[in-house]
Amino acid sequence: MAIQTAGREFDAAVARALAVKMQVVGDLARVFGQPEPFASDADRVARLKAAATVPASCGPEIIPAPARGAAVRFTPVSVQPRGADGYEVQHAGYRGRDAARAADVFDRIEASARRSRSAMPFSPGQIEAARRYRGMVERHDAGGIKLASLEGRGAGGSGGDFMDAYLSEAREIARMRAAIGSGMAMVPRRRGSGGAARAVSLRAAVDALCLDDLTPGEVLRRFGWSEYGANRDALRRVLAEALERMRG
């Protein structure tokens, strides 16, 4: 077991080092207008494995999984009583380790903001609402499969418990979608002019951000808009307002 664990750690370290090297050389090639090297299947696989490698502080048992995508480390905590009246925040990870979650569009937006030294367009509360909405919609959509397996069973037991949770999430999703509203996020100024830009409803913009994992710029491109300047600022603003309403 120890040999297997060490082997996985070594493979992950080699993959990360190779990915860094390929990135540097590839960036230089693009700067000088040369074809990007490392285009073999083995190199592409190494890149995928390196991108999907979980941070070392999360433990060696979580292997790289390209289908899962990139992972982000976070520290699980719990509040425990200390003394007669006090409390303290303690690390609650398994064996003192950090935890990992799949990276999403908000991690990409945050990384981009750090690189450009600009402010995040969304607050932590708005991001939490977006992630909660995505999680509920994904669970609810997947729940239809379990509902089919519960046909013919009684309302009691685990089937009843699941149905209660399923209906509760349905109500919360409906509340959040009502908070989004039926308005428009982006409307072309000139109609019938043959331009590529299409109208974007608030619901479509929020779902593209939260469910399809698209940045505001990518949302604009999906609907034929330029992703720069006033368009991006306007979409960010209406998305932030919608997420704020969704917080409840």
C-alpha atoms as a PDB file:
ATOM      1  CA  MET A   1       0.000   0.000   0.000  1.00  0.00           C
ATOM      2  CA  ALA A   2       2.802   2.410   0.888  1.00  0.00           C
ATOM      3  CA  ILE A   3       4.574   1.622  -2.398  1.00  0.00           C
ATOM      4  CA  GLN A   4       1.372   2.267  -4.373  1.00  0.00           C
ATOM      5  CA  THR A   5       0.807   5.556  -2.559  1.00  0.00           C
ATOM      6  CA  ALA A   6       4.381   6.669  -3.187  1.00  0.00           C
ATOM      7  CA  GLY A   7       4.007   5.691  -6.828  1.00  0.00           C
ATOM      8  CA  ARG A   8       0.878   7.781  -7.249  1.00  0.00           C
ATOM      9  CA  GLU A   9       2.569  10.767  -5.590  1.00  0.00           C
ATOM     10  CA  PHE A  10       5.594  10.397  -7.868  1.00  0.00           C
ATOM     11  CA  ASP A  11       3.411  10.135 -10.997  1.00  0.00           C
ATOM     12  CA  ALA A  12       1.444  13.217  -9.956  1.00  0.00           C
ATOM     13  CA  ALA A  13       4.635  15.187  -9.237  1.00  0.00           C
ATOM     14  CA  VAL A  14       6.116  14.229 -12.606  1.00  0.00           C
ATOM     15  CA  ALA A  15       2.892  15.170 -14.377  1.00  0.00           C
ATOM     16  CA  ARG A  16       2.801  18.573 -12.663  1.00  0.00           C
ATOM     17  CA  ALA A  17       6.451  19.275 -13.473  1.00  0.00           C
ATOM     18  CA  LEU A  18       5.935  18.263 -17.092  1.00  0.00           C
ATOM     19  CA  ALA A  19       2.848  20.439 -17.378  1.00  0.00           C
ATOM     20  CA  VAL A  20       4.751  23.464 -16.051  1.00  0.00           C
ATOM     21  CA  LYS A  21       7.569  22.847 -18.527  1.00  0.00           C
ATOM     22  CA  MET A  22       5.156  22.471 -21.429  1.00  0.00           C
ATOM     23  CA  GLN A  23       3.328  25.631 -20.426  1.00  0.00           C
ATOM     24  CA  VAL A  24       6.532  27.688 -20.340  1.00  0.00           C
ATOM     25  CA  VAL A  25       7.833  26.357 -23.652  1.00  0.00           C
ATOM     26  CA  GLY A  26       4.403  26.655 -25.253  1.00  0.00           C
ATOM     27  CA  ASP A  27       4.089  30.290 -24.123  1.00  0.00           C
ATOM     28  CA  LEU A  28       7.508  31.102 -25.596  1.00  0.00           C
ATOM     29  CA  ALA A  29       6.577  29.400 -28.862  1.00  0.00           C
ATOM     30  CA  ARG A  30       3.411  31.458 -29.158  1.00  0.00           C
ATOM     31  CA  VAL A  31       5.304  34.689 -28.404  1.00  0.00           C
ATOM     32  CA  PHE A  32       7.729  34.009 -31.271  1.00  0.00           C
ATOM     33  CA  GLY A  33       5.036  32.740 -33.613  1.00  0.00           C
ATOM     34  CA  GLN A  34       6.212  29.127 -33.613  1.00  0.00           C
ATOM     35  CA  PRO A  35       4.015  26.014 -33.540  1.00  0.00           C
ATOM     36  CA  GLU A  36       3.277  24.843 -30.020  1.00  0.00           C
ATOM     37  CA  PRO A  37       5.425  21.802 -29.093  1.00  0.00           C
ATOM     38  CA  PHE A  38       4.483  18.781 -26.999  1.00  0.00           C
ATOM     39  CA  ALA A  39       1.567  17.845 -29.223  1.00  0.00           C
ATOM     40  CA  SER A  40       1.900  14.072 -28.824  1.00  0.00           C
ATOM     41  CA  ASP A  41      -0.834  12.001 -27.232  1.00  0.00           C
ATOM     42  CA  ALA A  42       1.379  11.245 -24.221  1.00  0.00           C
ATOM     43  CA  ASP A  43       2.004  14.949 -23.658  1.00  0.00           C
ATOM     44  CA  ARG A  44      -1.670  15.778 -23.900  1.00  0.00           C
ATOM     45  CA  VAL A  45      -2.521  13.004 -21.435  1.00  0.00           C
ATOM     46  CA  ALA A  46       0.145  14.322 -19.051  1.00  0.00           C
ATOM     47  CA  ARG A  47      -1.381  17.781 -19.271  1.00  0.00           C
ATOM     48  CA  LEU A  48      -4.836  16.455 -18.512  1.00  0.00           C
ATOM     49  CA  LYS A  49      -3.573  14.445 -15.538  1.00  0.00           C
ATOM     50  CA  ALA A  50      -1.626  17.398 -14.153  1.00  0.00           C
ATOM     51  CA  ALA A  51      -4.617  19.714 -14.497  1.00  0.00           C
ATOM     52  CA  ALA A  52      -6.797  17.206 -12.632  1.00  0.00           C
ATOM     53  CA  THR A  53      -4.315  16.513  -9.812  1.00  0.00           C
ATOM     54  CA  VAL A  54      -5.729  17.315  -6.369  1.00  0.00           C
ATOM     55  CA  PRO A  55      -3.512  19.499  -4.114  1.00  0.00           C
ATOM     56  CA  ALA A  56      -1.120  17.439  -1.980  1.00  0.00           C
ATOM     57  CA  SER A  57      -2.596  18.741   1.296  1.00  0.00           C
ATOM     58  CA  CYS A  58      -5.801  16.828   0.510  1.00  0.00           C
ATOM     59  CA  GLY A  59      -4.002  13.467   0.785  1.00  0.00           C
ATOM     60  CA  PRO A  60      -2.679  10.932  -1.700  1.00  0.00           C
ATOM     61  CA  GLU A  61      -5.832   8.814  -1.969  1.00  0.00           C
ATOM     62  CA  ILE A  62      -7.603  11.208  -4.360  1.00  0.00           C
ATOM     63  CA  ILE A  63      -6.151  10.290  -7.743  1.00  0.00           C
ATOM     64  CA  PRO A  64      -6.122  12.588 -10.807  1.00  0.00           C
ATOM     65  CA  ALA A  65      -9.441  12.363 -12.659  1.00  0.00           C
ATOM     66  CA  PRO A  66      -9.592  14.311 -15.933  1.00  0.00           C
ATOM     67  CA  ALA A  67     -13.341  13.728 -16.201  1.00  0.00           C
ATOM     68  CA  ARG A  68     -13.753  15.522 -12.875  1.00  0.00           C
ATOM     69  CA  GLY A  69     -11.635  18.440 -14.018  1.00  0.00           C
ATOM     70  CA  ALA A  70      -9.483  20.686 -11.877  1.00  0.00           C
ATOM     71  CA  ALA A  71      -9.880  20.613  -8.096  1.00  0.00           C
ATOM     72  CA  VAL A  72      -9.639  23.402  -5.537  1.00  0.00           C
ATOM     73  CA  ARG A  73      -8.406  22.954  -1.980  1.00  0.00           C
ATOM     74  CA  PHE A  74     -10.408  24.271   0.953  1.00  0.00           C
ATOM     75  CA  THR A  75     -10.143  23.896   4.717  1.00  0.00           C
ATOM     76  CA  PRO A  76     -13.118  22.245   6.444  1.00  0.00           C
ATOM     77  CA  VAL A  77     -13.708  23.711   9.891  1.00  0.00           C
ATOM     78  CA  SER A  78     -16.017  23.181  12.839  1.00  0.00           C
ATOM     79  CA  VAL A  79     -16.866  25.325  15.859  1.00  0.00           C
ATOM     80  CA  GLN A  80     -16.171  23.542  19.140  1.00  0.00           C
ATOM     81  CA  PRO A  81     -16.819  24.650  22.742  1.00  0.00           C
ATOM     82  CA  ARG A  82     -13.778  25.767  24.720  1.00  0.00           C
ATOM     83  CA  GLY A  83     -13.948  26.340  28.437  1.00  0.00           C
ATOM     84  CA  ALA A  84     -17.104  27.474  30.178  1.00  0.00           C
ATOM     85  CA  ASP A  85     -18.371  30.036  27.668  1.00  0.00           C
ATOM     86  CA  GLY A  86     -15.916  30.127  24.801  1.00  0.00           C
ATOM     87  CA  TYR A  87     -15.738  28.549  21.380  1.00  0.00           C
ATOM     88  CA  GLU A  88     -12.978  27.938  18.906  1.00  0.00           C
ATOM     89  CA  VAL A  89     -12.751  27.135  15.215  1.00  0.00           C
ATOM     90  CA  GLN A  90     -10.946  23.863  14.552  1.00  0.00           C
ATOM     91  CA  HIS A  91      -9.697  22.136  11.416  1.00  0.00           C
ATOM     92  CA  ALA A  92     -12.229  19.386  10.727  1.00  0.00           C
ATOM     93  CA  GLY A  93     -10.570  17.611   7.810  1.00  0.00           C
ATOM     94  CA  TYR A  94     -10.016  13.855   7.769  1.00  0.00           C
ATOM     95  CA  ARG A  95      -6.698  13.147   9.521  1.00  0.00           C
ATOM     96  CA  GLY A  96      -5.970  16.861   9.517  1.00  0.00           C
ATOM     97  CA  ARG A  97      -6.109  17.101   5.744  1.00  0.00           C
ATOM     98  CA  ASP A  98      -7.699  19.752   3.594  1.00  0.00           C
ATOM     99  CA  ALA A  99     -10.697  18.920   1.446  1.00  0.00           C
ATOM    100  CA  ALA A 100     -11.150  19.354  -2.292  1.00  0.00           C
ATOM    101  CA  ARG A 101     -14.002  20.352  -4.548  1.00  0.00           C
ATOM    102  CA  ALA A 102     -14.339  20.608  -8.289  1.00  0.00           C
ATOM    103  CA  ALA A 103     -13.197  23.973  -9.635  1.00  0.00           C
ATOM    104  CA  ASP A 104     -15.908  26.060 -11.261  1.00  0.00           C
ATOM    105  CA  VAL A 105     -16.389  29.268 -13.202  1.00  0.00           C
ATOM    106  CA  PHE A 106     -16.071  31.420 -10.096  1.00  0.00           C
ATOM    107  CA  ASP A 107     -12.596  30.045  -9.450  1.00  0.00           C
ATOM    108  CA  ARG A 108     -11.658  31.033 -13.000  1.00  0.00           C
ATOM    109  CA  ILE A 109     -13.138  34.497 -12.517  1.00  0.00           C
ATOM    110  CA  GLU A 110     -11.232  34.912  -9.247  1.00  0.00           C
ATOM    111  CA  ALA A 111      -7.962  33.779 -10.850  1.00  0.00           C
ATOM    112  CA  SER A 112      -8.491  36.242 -13.704  1.00  0.00           C
ATOM    113  CA  ALA A 113      -9.200  39.057 -11.236  1.00  0.00           C
ATOM    114  CA  ARG A 114      -5.977  38.272  -9.360  1.00  0.00           C
ATOM    115  CA  ARG A 115      -3.936  38.293 -12.558  1.00  0.00           C
ATOM    116  CA  SER A 116      -5.351  41.633 -13.652  1.00  0.00           C
ATOM    117  CA  ARG A 117      -5.399  43.013 -10.087  1.00  0.00           C
ATOM    118  CA  SER A 118      -9.037  43.959 -10.487  1.00  0.00           C
ATOM    119  CA  ALA A 119     -11.999  43.593  -8.145  1.00  0.00           C
ATOM    120  CA  MET A 120     -14.159  40.488  -8.137  1.00  0.00           C
ATOM    121  CA  PRO A 121     -17.457  41.185  -9.913  1.00  0.00           C
ATOM    122  CA  PHE A 122     -19.381  39.001  -7.453  1.00  0.00           C
ATOM    123  CA  SER A 123     -19.436  39.010  -3.656  1.00  0.00           C
ATOM    124  CA  PRO A 124     -18.830  35.853  -1.560  1.00  0.00           C
ATOM    125  CA  GLY A 125     -22.547  35.753  -0.714  1.00  0.00           C
ATOM    126  CA  GLN A 126     -23.534  35.962  -4.365  1.00  0.00           C
ATOM    127  CA  ILE A 127     -21.104  33.185  -5.268  1.00  0.00           C
ATOM    128  CA  GLU A 128     -22.474  31.013  -2.461  1.00  0.00           C
ATOM    129  CA  ALA A 129     -26.014  31.545  -3.789  1.00  0.00           C
ATOM    130  CA  ALA A 130     -24.897  30.619  -7.307  1.00  0.00           C
ATOM    131  CA  ARG A 131     -23.203  27.429  -6.137  1.00  0.00           C
ATOM    132  CA  ARG A 132     -26.199  26.481  -3.994  1.00  0.00           C
ATOM    133  CA  TYR A 133     -28.514  27.014  -6.973  1.00  0.00           C
ATOM    134  CA  ARG A 134     -26.303  24.860  -9.202  1.00  0.00           C
ATOM    135  CA  GLY A 135     -26.103  22.080  -6.607  1.00  0.00           C
ATOM    136  CA  MET A 136     -29.854  21.987  -6.089  1.00  0.00           C
ATOM    137  CA  VAL A 137     -30.648  22.007  -9.813  1.00  0.00           C
ATOM    138  CA  GLU A 138     -28.157  19.196 -10.479  1.00  0.00           C
ATOM    139  CA  ARG A 139     -29.512  17.100  -7.599  1.00  0.00           C
ATOM    140  CA  HIS A 140     -33.094  17.800  -8.600  1.00  0.00           C
ATOM    141  CA  ASP A 141     -32.500  16.853 -12.229  1.00  0.00           C
ATOM    142  CA  ALA A 142     -30.762  13.643 -11.149  1.00  0.00           C
ATOM    143  CA  GLY A 143     -33.575  12.951  -8.699  1.00  0.00           C
ATOM    144  CA  GLY A 144     -35.941  12.048 -11.518  1.00  0.00           C
ATOM    145  CA  ILE A 145     -34.003   8.809 -11.930  1.00  0.00           C
ATOM    146  CA  LYS A 146     -34.550   7.892  -8.295  1.00  0.00           C
ATOM    147  CA  LEU A 147     -38.211   8.849  -8.489  1.00  0.00           C
ATOM    148  CA  ALA A 148     -38.652   6.300 -11.281  1.00  0.00           C
ATOM    149  CA  SER A 149     -37.155   3.623  -9.030  1.00  0.00           C
ATOM    150  CA  LEU A 150     -39.583   4.553  -6.231  1.00  0.00           C
ATOM    151  CA  GLU A 151     -42.713   3.994  -8.305  1.00  0.00           C
ATOM    152  CA  GLY A 152     -45.018   1.492  -6.691  1.00  0.00           C
ATOM    153  CA  ARG A 153     -43.553   1.960  -3.214  1.00  0.00           C
ATOM    154  CA  GLY A 154     -45.384   3.378  -0.250  1.00  0.00           C
ATOM    155  CA  ALA A 155     -44.932   6.933   1.028  1.00  0.00           C
ATOM    156  CA  GLY A 156     -43.167   5.834   4.200  1.00  0.00           C
ATOM    157  CA  GLY A 157     -39.530   5.034   4.855  1.00  0.00           C
ATOM    158  CA  SER A 158     -36.660   6.272   2.745  1.00  0.00           C
ATOM    159  CA  GLY A 159     -38.921   6.833  -0.247  1.00  0.00           C
ATOM    160  CA  GLY A 160     -41.009   9.314   1.717  1.00  0.00           C
ATOM    161  CA  ASP A 161     -37.914  11.028   3.116  1.00  0.00           C
ATOM    162  CA  PHE A 162     -36.488  11.407  -0.356  1.00  0.00           C
ATOM    163  CA  MET A 163     -39.749  12.793  -1.710  1.00  0.00           C
ATOM    164  CA  ASP A 164     -39.911  15.375   1.077  1.00  0.00           C
ATOM    165  CA  ALA A 165     -36.364  16.537   0.315  1.00  0.00           C
ATOM    166  CA  TYR A 166     -37.050  16.495  -3.427  1.00  0.00           C
ATOM    167  CA  LEU A 167     -40.145  18.681  -3.079  1.00  0.00           C
ATOM    168  CA  SER A 168     -38.380  21.017  -0.645  1.00  0.00           C
ATOM    169  CA  GLU A 169     -35.574  21.589  -3.139  1.00  0.00           C
ATOM    170  CA  ALA A 170     -38.121  22.109  -5.906  1.00  0.00           C
ATOM    171  CA  ARG A 171     -39.712  24.913  -3.886  1.00  0.00           C
ATOM    172  CA  GLU A 172     -36.339  26.545  -3.217  1.00  0.00           C
ATOM    173  CA  ILE A 173     -35.359  26.332  -6.890  1.00  0.00           C
ATOM    174  CA  ALA A 174     -38.686  27.922  -7.814  1.00  0.00           C
ATOM    175  CA  ARG A 175     -38.077  30.705  -5.278  1.00  0.00           C
ATOM    176  CA  MET A 176     -34.621  31.436  -6.658  1.00  0.00           C
ATOM    177  CA  ARG A 177     -35.868  31.442 -10.244  1.00  0.00           C
ATOM    178  CA  ALA A 178     -38.658  33.817  -9.292  1.00  0.00           C
ATOM    179  CA  ALA A 179     -35.995  36.043  -7.723  1.00  0.00           C
ATOM    180  CA  ILE A 180     -34.063  36.033 -11.006  1.00  0.00           C
ATOM    181  CA  GLY A 181     -37.145  37.466 -12.676  1.00  0.00           C
ATOM    182  CA  SER A 182     -38.415  37.411 -16.237  1.00  0.00           C
ATOM    183  CA  GLY A 183     -36.547  40.478 -17.449  1.00  0.00           C
ATOM    184  CA  MET A 184     -33.781  40.835 -19.988  1.00  0.00           C
ATOM    185  CA  ALA A 185     -30.066  40.930 -19.294  1.00  0.00           C
ATOM    186  CA  MET A 186     -28.963  42.204 -22.720  1.00  0.00           C
ATOM    187  CA  VAL A 187     -31.066  43.642 -25.544  1.00  0.00           C
ATOM    188  CA  PRO A 188     -29.628  44.759 -28.915  1.00  0.00           C
ATOM    189  CA  ARG A 189     -30.086  48.477 -29.442  1.00  0.00           C
ATOM    190  CA  ARG A 190     -30.834  48.194 -33.147  1.00  0.00           C
ATOM    191  CA  ARG A 191     -33.362  45.593 -34.183  1.00  0.00           C
ATOM    192  CA  GLY A 192     -33.495  44.150 -37.666  1.00  0.00           C
ATOM    193  CA  SER A 193     -30.044  45.463 -38.569  1.00  0.00           C
ATOM    194  CA  GLY A 194     -28.594  42.052 -39.294  1.00  0.00           C
ATOM    195  CA  GLY A 195     -26.236  42.154 -36.308  1.00  0.00           C
ATOM    196  CA  ALA A 196     -25.095  38.953 -34.627  1.00  0.00           C
ATOM    197  CA  ALA A 197     -26.048  40.022 -31.087  1.00  0.00           C
ATOM    198  CA  ARG A 198     -29.195  38.330 -29.748  1.00  0.00           C
ATOM    199  CA  ALA A 199     -31.378  39.234 -26.792  1.00  0.00           C
ATOM    200  CA  VAL A 200     -30.379  37.505 -23.544  1.00  0.00           C
ATOM    201  CA  SER A 201     -32.914  36.918 -20.786  1.00  0.00           C
ATOM    202  CA  LEU A 202     -31.872  37.160 -17.154  1.00  0.00           C
ATOM    203  CA  ARG A 203     -32.718  33.496 -16.616  1.00  0.00           C
ATOM    204  CA  ALA A 204     -30.625  32.411 -19.606  1.00  0.00           C
ATOM    205  CA  ALA A 205     -27.679  34.509 -18.425  1.00  0.00           C
ATOM    206  CA  VAL A 206     -27.847  33.186 -14.850  1.00  0.00           C
ATOM    207  CA  ASP A 207     -28.176  29.572 -16.015  1.00  0.00           C
ATOM    208  CA  ALA A 208     -25.248  29.990 -18.410  1.00  0.00           C
ATOM    209  CA  LEU A 209     -23.115  31.302 -15.551  1.00  0.00           C
ATOM    210  CA  CYS A 210     -24.219  28.904 -12.806  1.00  0.00           C
ATOM    211  CA  LEU A 211     -25.150  25.721 -14.670  1.00  0.00           C
ATOM    212  CA  ASP A 212     -23.061  25.871 -17.851  1.00  0.00           C
ATOM    213  CA  ASP A 213     -19.961  27.223 -16.080  1.00  0.00           C
ATOM    214  CA  LEU A 214     -19.485  30.143 -18.483  1.00  0.00           C
ATOM    215  CA  THR A 215     -17.793  33.405 -17.543  1.00  0.00           C
ATOM    216  CA  PRO A 216     -19.687  36.626 -18.334  1.00  0.00           C
ATOM    217  CA  GLY A 217     -17.452  37.073 -21.391  1.00  0.00           C
ATOM    218  CA  GLU A 218     -18.262  33.544 -22.584  1.00  0.00           C
ATOM    219  CA  VAL A 219     -21.979  34.186 -22.030  1.00  0.00           C
ATOM    220  CA  LEU A 220     -21.732  37.248 -24.255  1.00  0.00           C
ATOM    221  CA  ARG A 221     -19.954  35.285 -26.976  1.00  0.00           C
ATOM    222  CA  ARG A 222     -22.617  32.550 -26.841  1.00  0.00           C
ATOM    223  CA  PHE A 223     -25.263  35.123 -27.749  1.00  0.00           C
ATOM    224  CA  GLY A 224     -23.189  36.923 -30.355  1.00  0.00           C
ATOM    225  CA  TRP A 225     -22.085  39.918 -28.301  1.00  0.00           C
ATOM    226  CA  SER A 226     -18.643  41.458 -27.984  1.00  0.00           C
ATOM    227  CA  GLU A 227     -17.223  40.446 -24.606  1.00  0.00           C
ATOM    228  CA  TYR A 228     -15.293  43.650 -23.975  1.00  0.00           C
ATOM    229  CA  GLY A 229     -15.977  47.073 -22.499  1.00  0.00           C
ATOM    230  CA  ALA A 230     -19.475  48.220 -21.654  1.00  0.00           C
ATOM    231  CA  ASN A 231     -21.107  44.902 -22.629  1.00  0.00           C
ATOM    232  CA  ARG A 232     -19.146  42.900 -20.077  1.00  0.00           C
ATOM    233  CA  ASP A 233     -19.632  45.533 -17.369  1.00  0.00           C
ATOM    234  CA  ALA A 234     -23.380  45.645 -18.009  1.00  0.00           C
ATOM    235  CA  LEU A 235     -23.760  41.852 -17.907  1.00  0.00           C
ATOM    236  CA  ARG A 236     -21.681  41.553 -14.753  1.00  0.00           C
ATOM    237  CA  ARG A 237     -23.857  44.158 -13.080  1.00  0.00           C
ATOM    238  CA  VAL A 238     -27.196  42.502 -13.888  1.00  0.00           C
ATOM    239  CA  LEU A 239     -25.816  39.062 -12.963  1.00  0.00           C
ATOM    240  CA  ALA A 240     -24.613  40.364  -9.595  1.00  0.00           C
ATOM    241  CA  GLU A 241     -28.024  41.926  -8.959  1.00  0.00           C
ATOM    242  CA  ALA A 242     -29.799  38.681  -9.841  1.00  0.00           C
ATOM    243  CA  LEU A 243     -27.520  36.601  -7.604  1.00  0.00           C
ATOM    244  CA  GLU A 244     -28.087  39.062  -4.763  1.00  0.00           C
ATOM    245  CA  ARG A 245     -31.844  38.565  -5.076  1.00  0.00           C
ATOM    246  CA  MET A 246     -31.360  34.808  -5.186  1.00  0.00           C
ATOM    247  CA  ARG A 247     -29.633  34.896  -1.801  1.00  0.00           C
ATOM    248  CA  GLY A 248     -33.029  35.439  -0.205  1.00  0.00           C
END
